[in-house]
Amino acid sequence: MCPKKQSVQSKSNTVSIVPLIEKKRDGLTWTNDDIRYIVDAIAHHTLPDYQLSALLMAIYFKDLNVQEIAAFAEEIILSGTVLDVRSIALPKISLYTIGGVGNKTNLALTALVASCGVVVPNIVTPQESFMFGDLDKIKAIPGMKTDLPLETCVKQLKKIGCCISQQPDSLVPVDNDLIKMGQATATANCLPILVSSILSKRIASGSENIVVDIKCGNGSFIRDVAQAKHIASLLTKSIRGLQRRCVALITDMNQPVGNTLGTALELKEIADVLQDRGDETLKELIIRLGMEMIRLSGVSGSTLSAKQTIVQHLKDGSAFKKFKELIKEQGGDPAFLDNEKKFPKAKHTYKIVANKRGYIHSINMAFLAKGVEVLMRQDKNSPIDPAAGITDLQPLGKQIQPGDPVMTIHYNDTSRFNTAMEYLRKAYCIAPKRPSNSDLFIERVA
């Protein structure tokens, strides 16, 4: 692994961070040396929490320009070890999803894009998930190892072209400190820090270029399109300062993509899509993001050839085969995906049905998310019940008659089910008129 950078500070020659906080508080621009000093102070824990919180608040209110964001990302990368994939000749790319409930694209595309001859390192932090993340889903497979050393990740990327592993503490440690302080000071959604975090994590994990899926709607912390466009612009412009490229797709998150929520239930839906089955909207999203990933990697030179490549690897079984290779390589049983009986099943199911005629007019994604979270575990420190969750989620605009099911709840714990029902009963709104069409793809920014 590439070593950490040497400190630019010394005990005999330190400067106060206060003038730099004042500089940003007054709306001035930091130099590269300013940013290097700040990141170095965070990395070496010479910056007290009260000054770090003041620093974050100054950034939150006064912003960073794209040059500052790029410099921040570069210094954060250099604050820790880096996944050294220089010996791998194939192009390397990764996907990052911002926001969203029931995200299934990252796991599916790790295997699908790798099957097309592109290396996909999927290094995940717990903070990247809205409720539960890729690691929780893949752990539903018995025996799966998700805490791979970086050296093992490199070997696996050379061998099969993909991996999924928990981010070690040695990778972008300053980013971890910023995330924790952001959560403690209500600045977690500070856009310049968010963008530098995404870029630093993905580049430190070995990616040459990045595709970002920006979820926009009531199921994401990004509620309006203008904010989503601003984030997309910051990402695509800032990364140029790091001699990389990024494509951002803004996609709708006012309804679930796919029809399941829950770790094992979503894993089953991912396996179905990788066999060219299952929910068409989810498949459409995966194909479009996959197209962007292999085009940006240089594997396909046009939109048409990129789509043909992605669709072919879904239809001929290459994508599903690669997913099973990934599972086997990390200690899991690939036969698990071939036998539905091996998937954990809940003791009980319950259908929520419509009480009147009309159309599904809106879906409260926060209620869905909270309901599923309650079904799956007692609290955030409790183990996840992989069998719990929701299936058969109906989409916006569907015509409904009284008694028609809108979702099926899978549960083992009756007490948690009763609590979850307080949210899930209120998640769907049925109205006499069909809602206006909501496009899955809102905008592409490159």
Protein backbone atom coordinates (compact mmCIF):
# COMPACT_ATOMS: atom_id res chain seq x y z
CA MET A 1 0.00 0.00 0.00
CA CYS A 2 1.13 3.55 -0.67
CA PRO A 3 2.41 5.14 2.56
CA LYS A 4 1.01 8.19 4.31
CA LYS A 5 2.54 11.59 3.56
CA GLN A 6 4.97 13.16 5.97
CA SER A 7 3.68 15.89 8.30
CA VAL A 8 4.24 19.47 7.22
CA GLN A 9 4.15 20.57 10.86
CA SER A 10 6.89 20.47 13.43
CA LYS A 11 6.83 21.08 17.14
CA SER A 12 9.10 24.07 16.78
CA ASN A 13 7.26 25.66 13.87
CA THR A 14 3.52 25.66 14.29
CA VAL A 15 1.04 28.37 13.38
CA SER A 16 -2.35 29.05 14.87
CA ILE A 17 -5.41 27.72 13.08
CA VAL A 18 -7.42 30.77 14.23
CA PRO A 19 -6.32 33.06 11.35
CA LEU A 20 -7.44 30.37 8.88
CA ILE A 21 -10.85 30.09 10.56
CA GLU A 22 -11.13 33.89 10.43
CA LYS A 23 -10.13 33.87 6.76
CA LYS A 24 -12.95 31.52 5.80
CA ARG A 25 -15.39 33.19 8.19
CA ASP A 26 -14.80 36.40 6.24
CA GLY A 27 -15.46 34.65 2.92
CA LEU A 28 -11.85 34.58 1.70
CA THR A 29 -10.22 31.79 -0.28
CA TRP A 30 -7.78 29.35 1.30
CA THR A 31 -4.49 28.64 -0.46
CA ASN A 32 -3.26 25.09 -1.04
CA ASP A 33 -0.81 25.59 1.83
CA ASP A 34 -3.67 26.67 4.11
CA ILE A 35 -5.60 23.52 3.27
CA ARG A 36 -2.53 21.33 3.66
CA TYR A 37 -1.95 22.76 7.13
CA ILE A 38 -5.60 22.26 8.16
CA VAL A 39 -5.75 18.63 7.01
CA ASP A 40 -2.38 17.89 8.60
CA ALA A 41 -3.59 19.34 11.92
CA ILE A 42 -6.71 17.15 11.80
CA ALA A 43 -4.67 14.07 10.85
CA HIS A 44 -2.25 14.55 13.75
CA HIS A 45 -5.00 15.46 16.24
CA THR A 46 -3.43 18.83 17.06
CA LEU A 47 -6.70 20.62 16.30
CA PRO A 48 -9.08 20.75 19.29
CA ASP A 49 -12.70 19.76 18.67
CA TYR A 50 -13.95 23.29 19.33
CA GLN A 51 -11.70 24.66 16.57
CA LEU A 52 -12.61 21.87 14.15
CA SER A 53 -16.30 22.56 14.75
CA ALA A 54 -15.70 26.29 14.16
CA LEU A 55 -13.84 25.43 10.97
CA LEU A 56 -16.70 23.26 9.68
CA MET A 57 -19.25 25.93 10.52
CA ALA A 58 -17.21 28.53 8.61
CA ILE A 59 -17.13 26.21 5.56
CA TYR A 60 -20.85 25.49 5.93
CA PHE A 61 -21.79 29.18 5.77
CA LYS A 62 -19.03 30.57 3.49
CA ASP A 63 -18.49 27.58 1.15
CA LEU A 64 -15.42 26.37 -0.74
CA ASN A 65 -14.78 26.91 -4.44
CA VAL A 66 -13.98 23.97 -6.72
CA GLN A 67 -10.22 24.53 -6.46
CA GLU A 68 -10.44 24.44 -2.65
CA ILE A 69 -12.58 21.29 -2.77
CA ALA A 70 -10.06 19.55 -5.06
CA ALA A 71 -7.18 20.56 -2.77
CA PHE A 72 -9.11 19.34 0.27
CA ALA A 73 -9.80 16.00 -1.41
CA GLU A 74 -6.17 15.57 -2.42
CA GLU A 75 -4.88 16.28 1.08
CA ILE A 76 -7.46 13.95 2.62
CA ILE A 77 -6.30 11.18 0.25
CA LEU A 78 -2.69 11.78 1.32
CA SER A 79 -3.65 11.72 5.01
CA GLY A 80 -3.82 7.92 4.96
CA THR A 81 -2.87 4.83 3.01
CA VAL A 82 -4.03 4.39 -0.59
CA LEU A 83 -5.15 1.22 -2.37
CA ASP A 84 -2.20 0.69 -4.74
CA VAL A 85 -3.66 -0.70 -7.98
CA ARG A 86 -0.95 0.61 -10.32
CA SER A 87 0.00 -2.96 -11.24
CA ILE A 88 -3.48 -3.58 -12.68
CA ALA A 89 -3.59 -2.54 -16.32
CA LEU A 90 -7.37 -2.54 -16.70
CA PRO A 91 -9.38 0.66 -16.19
CA LYS A 92 -10.73 1.22 -12.67
CA ILE A 93 -13.99 2.91 -11.79
CA SER A 94 -16.56 3.01 -9.02
CA LEU A 95 -20.11 4.14 -8.38
CA TYR A 96 -21.19 6.34 -5.50
CA THR A 97 -24.83 6.85 -4.56
CA ILE A 98 -25.86 9.96 -2.60
CA GLY A 99 -29.00 9.48 -0.53
CA GLY A 100 -31.79 7.04 -1.23
CA VAL A 101 -33.89 4.33 0.36
CA GLY A 102 -33.37 0.75 -0.79
CA ASN A 103 -30.32 1.34 -2.97
CA LYS A 104 -29.49 -1.84 -4.88
CA THR A 105 -27.37 -0.44 -7.70
CA ASN A 106 -23.91 -0.47 -6.10
CA LEU A 107 -23.82 -4.21 -5.43
CA ALA A 108 -25.32 -5.11 -8.80
CA LEU A 109 -22.97 -2.84 -10.75
CA THR A 110 -19.87 -4.02 -8.88
CA ALA A 111 -20.37 -7.40 -10.54
CA LEU A 112 -21.97 -6.26 -13.81
CA VAL A 113 -19.30 -3.69 -14.74
CA ALA A 114 -16.48 -6.05 -13.65
CA SER A 115 -17.90 -8.67 -16.02
CA CYS A 116 -17.35 -6.12 -18.83
CA GLY A 117 -13.60 -5.93 -18.20
CA VAL A 118 -13.46 -2.95 -15.84
CA VAL A 119 -12.01 -3.15 -12.32
CA VAL A 120 -14.54 -2.09 -9.66
CA PRO A 121 -13.25 -1.59 -6.10
CA ASN A 122 -16.28 -1.21 -3.81
CA ILE A 123 -14.84 0.03 -0.51
CA VAL A 124 -17.71 0.96 1.78
CA THR A 125 -18.13 2.99 4.96
CA PRO A 126 -21.16 2.58 7.24
CA GLN A 127 -21.97 6.29 6.75
CA GLU A 128 -22.66 5.66 3.06
CA SER A 129 -25.98 3.96 3.74
CA PHE A 130 -29.31 5.69 4.33
CA MET A 131 -30.61 2.83 6.54
CA PHE A 132 -28.44 -0.21 5.93
CA GLY A 133 -25.83 -0.63 3.26
CA ASP A 134 -24.13 -2.97 0.85
CA LEU A 135 -22.16 -4.70 3.60
CA ASP A 136 -25.34 -5.50 5.55
CA LYS A 137 -26.95 -6.96 2.43
CA ILE A 138 -24.02 -9.10 1.37
CA LYS A 139 -23.62 -10.39 4.96
CA ALA A 140 -26.97 -12.13 4.54
CA ILE A 141 -24.90 -14.76 2.67
CA PRO A 142 -23.34 -17.16 5.22
CA GLY A 143 -19.57 -16.99 5.43
CA MET A 144 -19.08 -13.70 3.57
CA LYS A 145 -15.99 -11.78 4.69
CA THR A 146 -16.32 -8.03 4.35
CA ASP A 147 -13.33 -6.75 6.34
CA LEU A 148 -10.60 -7.51 3.82
CA PRO A 149 -7.10 -6.07 4.32
CA LEU A 150 -6.13 -3.67 1.54
CA GLU A 151 -3.49 -6.12 0.27
CA THR A 152 -6.22 -8.77 -0.12
CA CYS A 153 -8.42 -6.29 -1.97
CA VAL A 154 -5.64 -5.66 -4.50
CA LYS A 155 -5.04 -9.38 -5.03
CA GLN A 156 -8.77 -9.96 -5.52
CA LEU A 157 -9.08 -7.05 -7.95
CA LYS A 158 -6.25 -8.57 -10.00
CA LYS A 159 -7.90 -11.99 -9.93
CA ILE A 160 -11.60 -11.29 -10.56
CA GLY A 161 -11.84 -7.53 -11.12
CA CYS A 162 -14.04 -6.58 -8.16
CA CYS A 163 -14.32 -6.61 -4.39
CA ILE A 164 -16.60 -5.33 -1.65
CA SER A 165 -15.07 -4.54 1.70
CA GLN A 166 -15.42 -2.28 4.69
CA GLN A 167 -13.22 0.79 4.56
CA PRO A 168 -10.26 0.37 6.93
CA ASP A 169 -9.42 3.14 9.40
CA SER A 170 -6.12 3.76 7.61
CA LEU A 171 -7.89 4.92 4.44
CA VAL A 172 -8.77 8.67 4.43
CA PRO A 173 -8.72 8.93 8.25
CA VAL A 174 -9.27 12.70 8.13
CA ASP A 175 -12.52 12.12 6.26
CA ASN A 176 -13.71 9.90 9.11
CA ASP A 177 -12.93 12.67 11.61
CA LEU A 178 -14.83 15.21 9.50
CA ILE A 179 -17.85 12.92 9.25
CA LYS A 180 -17.98 12.40 13.01
CA MET A 181 -17.64 16.11 13.74
CA GLY A 182 -20.22 16.94 11.05
CA GLN A 183 -22.74 14.64 12.70
CA ALA A 184 -22.05 16.25 16.08
CA THR A 185 -22.38 19.84 14.82
CA ALA A 186 -25.29 19.62 12.34
CA THR A 187 -22.93 20.18 9.41
CA ALA A 188 -23.00 16.62 8.03
CA ASN A 189 -24.69 17.88 4.85
CA CYS A 190 -22.11 20.60 4.23
CA LEU A 191 -21.79 20.27 0.45
CA PRO A 192 -18.06 21.10 -0.03
CA ILE A 193 -17.12 18.57 2.67
CA LEU A 194 -19.54 16.01 1.19
CA VAL A 195 -18.02 16.40 -2.27
CA SER A 196 -14.41 16.23 -1.04
CA SER A 197 -15.39 13.15 0.99
CA ILE A 198 -16.82 11.34 -2.04
CA LEU A 199 -13.84 12.17 -4.25
CA SER A 200 -11.21 11.31 -1.65
CA LYS A 201 -12.77 7.98 -0.68
CA ARG A 202 -13.23 6.77 -4.22
CA ILE A 203 -9.81 7.87 -5.49
CA ALA A 204 -8.01 6.51 -2.40
CA SER A 205 -9.84 3.23 -3.07
CA GLY A 206 -8.19 2.94 -6.48
CA SER A 207 -10.77 4.46 -8.83
CA GLU A 208 -9.50 6.46 -11.78
CA ASN A 209 -12.94 7.91 -12.53
CA ILE A 210 -16.30 8.01 -10.75
CA VAL A 211 -20.00 7.81 -11.63
CA VAL A 212 -22.30 9.34 -9.02
CA ASP A 213 -26.03 8.65 -8.68
CA ILE A 214 -27.57 11.66 -6.92
CA LYS A 215 -30.95 10.71 -5.49
CA CYS A 216 -33.42 13.59 -5.39
CA GLY A 217 -36.81 13.56 -3.71
CA ASN A 218 -38.50 12.83 -0.40
CA GLY A 219 -36.46 9.63 -0.01
CA SER A 220 -33.16 11.55 0.04
CA PHE A 221 -31.70 14.41 2.06
CA ILE A 222 -31.52 16.19 -1.33
CA ARG A 223 -35.11 17.30 -1.79
CA ASP A 224 -35.00 19.71 -4.74
CA VAL A 225 -33.49 19.47 -8.22
CA ALA A 226 -31.60 22.78 -7.93
CA GLN A 227 -29.58 21.46 -4.98
CA ALA A 228 -28.94 18.18 -6.80
CA LYS A 229 -27.66 20.08 -9.84
CA HIS A 230 -25.37 22.15 -7.62
CA ILE A 231 -23.86 19.00 -6.08
CA ALA A 232 -23.44 17.48 -9.55
CA SER A 233 -21.66 20.61 -10.74
CA LEU A 234 -19.33 20.65 -7.72
CA LEU A 235 -18.43 16.99 -8.26
CA THR A 236 -17.77 17.18 -11.98
CA LYS A 237 -15.78 20.44 -11.77
CA SER A 238 -13.79 19.66 -8.60
CA ILE A 239 -12.57 16.27 -9.83
CA ARG A 240 -10.89 17.90 -12.83
CA GLY A 241 -8.42 19.44 -10.40
CA LEU A 242 -7.44 15.87 -9.50
CA GLN A 243 -6.95 14.90 -13.17
CA ARG A 244 -9.95 12.58 -13.03
CA ARG A 245 -13.43 12.59 -14.53
CA CYS A 246 -16.89 12.24 -13.02
CA VAL A 247 -20.35 11.78 -14.53
CA ALA A 248 -23.31 12.52 -12.26
CA LEU A 249 -26.85 11.32 -12.88
CA ILE A 250 -29.67 12.96 -10.93
CA THR A 251 -32.38 10.34 -10.39
CA ASP A 252 -35.83 10.38 -8.82
CA MET A 253 -36.22 9.21 -5.21
CA ASN A 254 -39.90 9.88 -4.59
CA GLN A 255 -40.57 6.16 -4.71
CA PRO A 256 -38.54 2.98 -4.17
CA VAL A 257 -36.48 1.72 -7.08
CA GLY A 258 -37.35 -1.95 -7.17
CA ASN A 259 -40.06 -3.54 -5.07
CA THR A 260 -38.21 -4.71 -1.95
CA LEU A 261 -36.69 -3.23 1.21
CA GLY A 262 -34.63 -5.32 3.63
CA THR A 263 -31.20 -6.92 3.44
CA ALA A 264 -31.89 -10.49 2.24
CA LEU A 265 -34.97 -9.41 0.29
CA GLU A 266 -32.95 -6.78 -1.59
CA LEU A 267 -30.13 -9.27 -2.14
CA LYS A 268 -32.62 -11.62 -3.81
CA GLU A 269 -33.83 -8.76 -6.04
CA ILE A 270 -30.23 -7.92 -6.99
CA ALA A 271 -29.61 -11.56 -7.93
CA ASP A 272 -32.78 -11.54 -10.07
CA VAL A 273 -31.71 -8.39 -11.95
CA LEU A 274 -28.25 -9.84 -12.61
CA GLN A 275 -30.08 -12.74 -14.29
CA ASP A 276 -32.06 -10.29 -16.44
CA ARG A 277 -35.21 -10.78 -14.37
CA GLY A 278 -37.13 -8.74 -11.85
CA ASP A 279 -38.26 -5.14 -11.61
CA GLU A 280 -37.97 -3.25 -14.91
CA THR A 281 -37.39 0.17 -13.33
CA LEU A 282 -34.50 -1.14 -11.25
CA LYS A 283 -33.07 -2.84 -14.32
CA GLU A 284 -33.40 0.39 -16.31
CA LEU A 285 -31.45 2.30 -13.65
CA ILE A 286 -28.71 -0.33 -13.46
CA ILE A 287 -28.33 -0.42 -17.24
CA ARG A 288 -28.06 3.37 -17.48
CA LEU A 289 -25.52 3.67 -14.67
CA GLY A 290 -23.57 0.71 -16.07
CA MET A 291 -23.46 2.38 -19.48
CA GLU A 292 -21.98 5.51 -17.93
CA MET A 293 -19.38 3.49 -16.03
CA ILE A 294 -18.03 1.55 -19.00
CA ARG A 295 -18.13 4.61 -21.29
CA LEU A 296 -16.15 6.64 -18.76
CA SER A 297 -13.70 3.73 -18.48
CA GLY A 298 -13.10 3.74 -22.21
CA VAL A 299 -14.43 0.21 -22.76
CA SER A 300 -17.20 1.49 -25.03
CA GLY A 301 -16.91 4.52 -27.25
CA SER A 302 -20.59 5.34 -27.69
CA THR A 303 -23.86 5.24 -25.81
CA LEU A 304 -25.21 2.54 -28.14
CA SER A 305 -22.21 0.21 -27.79
CA ALA A 306 -22.16 0.76 -24.01
CA LYS A 307 -25.82 -0.23 -23.72
CA GLN A 308 -25.31 -3.27 -25.94
CA THR A 309 -22.38 -4.42 -23.80
CA ILE A 310 -24.26 -4.01 -20.52
CA VAL A 311 -27.43 -5.70 -21.79
CA GLN A 312 -25.43 -8.57 -23.30
CA HIS A 313 -23.67 -9.29 -20.00
CA LEU A 314 -27.03 -9.37 -18.21
CA LYS A 315 -28.59 -11.69 -20.77
CA ASP A 316 -25.70 -14.13 -21.29
CA GLY A 317 -25.19 -14.76 -17.56
CA SER A 318 -21.76 -13.06 -17.32
CA ALA A 319 -22.91 -10.56 -14.69
CA PHE A 320 -24.49 -13.19 -12.44
CA LYS A 321 -21.44 -15.43 -12.84
CA LYS A 322 -19.19 -12.55 -11.75
CA PHE A 323 -21.39 -11.92 -8.70
CA LYS A 324 -21.00 -15.57 -7.69
CA GLU A 325 -17.23 -15.32 -8.21
CA LEU A 326 -17.17 -12.33 -5.87
CA ILE A 327 -19.10 -14.24 -3.21
CA LYS A 328 -16.90 -17.33 -3.50
CA GLU A 329 -13.69 -15.29 -3.38
CA GLN A 330 -14.80 -13.65 -0.11
CA GLY A 331 -15.74 -16.87 1.67
CA GLY A 332 -19.45 -17.05 0.89
CA ASP A 333 -21.39 -19.88 -0.71
CA PRO A 334 -22.29 -18.90 -4.31
CA ALA A 335 -24.88 -21.71 -4.42
CA PHE A 336 -26.84 -19.63 -1.90
CA LEU A 337 -28.10 -17.47 -4.79
CA ASP A 338 -29.29 -20.47 -6.81
CA ASN A 339 -31.66 -21.83 -4.20
CA GLU A 340 -34.47 -19.58 -2.97
CA LYS A 341 -34.99 -21.90 -0.01
CA LYS A 342 -31.56 -20.91 1.35
CA PHE A 343 -32.58 -17.28 1.74
CA PRO A 344 -33.72 -16.47 5.29
CA LYS A 345 -37.51 -16.35 5.56
CA ALA A 346 -39.56 -14.53 8.14
CA LYS A 347 -42.09 -16.42 10.26
CA HIS A 348 -44.90 -14.02 9.42
CA THR A 349 -46.15 -11.93 6.49
CA TYR A 350 -48.85 -9.28 6.40
CA LYS A 351 -50.34 -7.42 3.44
CA ILE A 352 -51.30 -3.76 3.71
CA VAL A 353 -54.23 -3.20 1.34
CA ALA A 354 -55.88 -0.13 -0.12
CA ASN A 355 -59.03 1.10 1.63
CA LYS A 356 -60.40 3.03 -1.35
CA ARG A 357 -60.33 3.29 -5.12
CA GLY A 358 -57.91 5.62 -6.86
CA TYR A 359 -54.28 6.01 -7.83
CA ILE A 360 -51.12 5.82 -5.76
CA HIS A 361 -50.51 9.55 -5.63
CA SER A 362 -47.49 9.84 -3.30
CA ILE A 363 -45.24 7.67 -1.16
CA ASN A 364 -43.72 8.93 2.08
CA MET A 365 -40.24 7.44 1.81
CA ALA A 366 -39.27 8.49 5.33
CA PHE A 367 -42.16 6.43 6.75
CA LEU A 368 -41.11 3.45 4.61
CA ALA A 369 -37.51 3.79 5.76
CA LYS A 370 -38.44 4.11 9.42
CA GLY A 371 -40.88 1.21 9.23
CA VAL A 372 -38.31 -1.11 7.69
CA GLU A 373 -35.64 -0.05 10.15
CA VAL A 374 -37.95 -0.90 13.06
CA LEU A 375 -38.80 -4.28 11.52
CA MET A 376 -35.15 -5.18 11.09
CA ARG A 377 -33.62 -4.29 14.45
CA GLN A 378 -34.30 -2.95 17.91
CA ASP A 379 -31.83 -0.07 17.58
CA LYS A 380 -28.75 0.84 15.53
CA ASN A 381 -26.50 -1.19 17.79
CA SER A 382 -28.64 -4.35 17.55
CA PRO A 383 -28.03 -7.13 15.00
CA ILE A 384 -30.06 -6.94 11.79
CA ASP A 385 -32.77 -9.51 11.12
CA PRO A 386 -31.97 -10.39 7.48
CA ALA A 387 -35.39 -11.93 6.83
CA ALA A 388 -37.38 -8.85 7.82
CA GLY A 389 -38.48 -6.20 5.36
CA ILE A 390 -41.02 -5.43 2.64
CA THR A 391 -41.81 -6.90 -0.77
CA ASP A 392 -44.38 -6.18 -3.49
CA LEU A 393 -44.07 -2.40 -3.13
CA GLN A 394 -46.42 -0.81 -5.66
CA PRO A 395 -45.27 2.14 -7.78
CA LEU A 396 -46.53 5.69 -8.08
CA GLY A 397 -49.42 6.13 -10.49
CA LYS A 398 -50.76 2.60 -10.22
CA GLN A 399 -54.55 2.32 -10.24
CA ILE A 400 -55.83 0.70 -7.07
CA GLN A 401 -59.12 -0.89 -6.01
CA PRO A 402 -60.26 -1.41 -2.41
CA GLY A 403 -58.55 -4.49 -1.03
CA ASP A 404 -55.63 -4.40 -3.48
CA PRO A 405 -52.28 -4.94 -1.71
CA VAL A 406 -49.75 -2.09 -1.75
CA MET A 407 -46.99 -3.97 0.10
CA THR A 408 -46.22 -7.24 1.91
CA ILE A 409 -44.49 -7.03 5.29
CA HIS A 410 -42.11 -9.79 6.42
CA TYR A 411 -41.41 -9.96 10.16
CA ASN A 412 -40.31 -12.18 13.04
CA ASP A 413 -40.85 -9.87 16.01
CA THR A 414 -44.52 -9.01 16.71
CA SER A 415 -43.69 -6.08 18.94
CA ARG A 416 -41.48 -4.46 16.30
CA PHE A 417 -44.13 -5.21 13.66
CA ASN A 418 -46.76 -3.30 15.65
CA THR A 419 -44.43 -0.31 15.96
CA ALA A 420 -43.48 -0.44 12.28
CA MET A 421 -47.14 -0.47 11.26
CA GLU A 422 -47.56 3.01 12.75
CA TYR A 423 -45.31 4.25 9.95
CA LEU A 424 -46.08 1.83 7.12
CA ARG A 425 -49.86 2.37 7.24
CA LYS A 426 -49.26 6.06 6.50
CA ALA A 427 -46.63 5.59 3.79
CA TYR A 428 -48.99 5.42 0.79
CA CYS A 429 -51.42 8.16 -0.25
CA ILE A 430 -54.24 7.18 -2.63
CA ALA A 431 -56.06 9.95 -4.52
CA PRO A 432 -58.79 10.11 -7.22
CA LYS A 433 -56.44 11.52 -9.88
CA ARG A 434 -53.32 9.97 -11.32
CA PRO A 435 -50.18 11.95 -10.33
CA SER A 436 -48.09 13.66 -12.97
CA ASN A 437 -45.41 11.43 -14.40
CA SER A 438 -42.10 11.48 -12.53
CA ASP A 439 -39.13 10.67 -14.75
CA LEU A 440 -36.56 8.30 -13.28
CA PHE A 441 -33.70 10.22 -14.91
CA ILE A 442 -33.82 13.94 -14.19
CA GLU A 443 -30.49 15.17 -15.57
CA ARG A 444 -27.00 14.10 -16.58
CA VAL A 445 -24.05 16.31 -15.63
CA ALA A 446 -20.51 15.66 -16.89
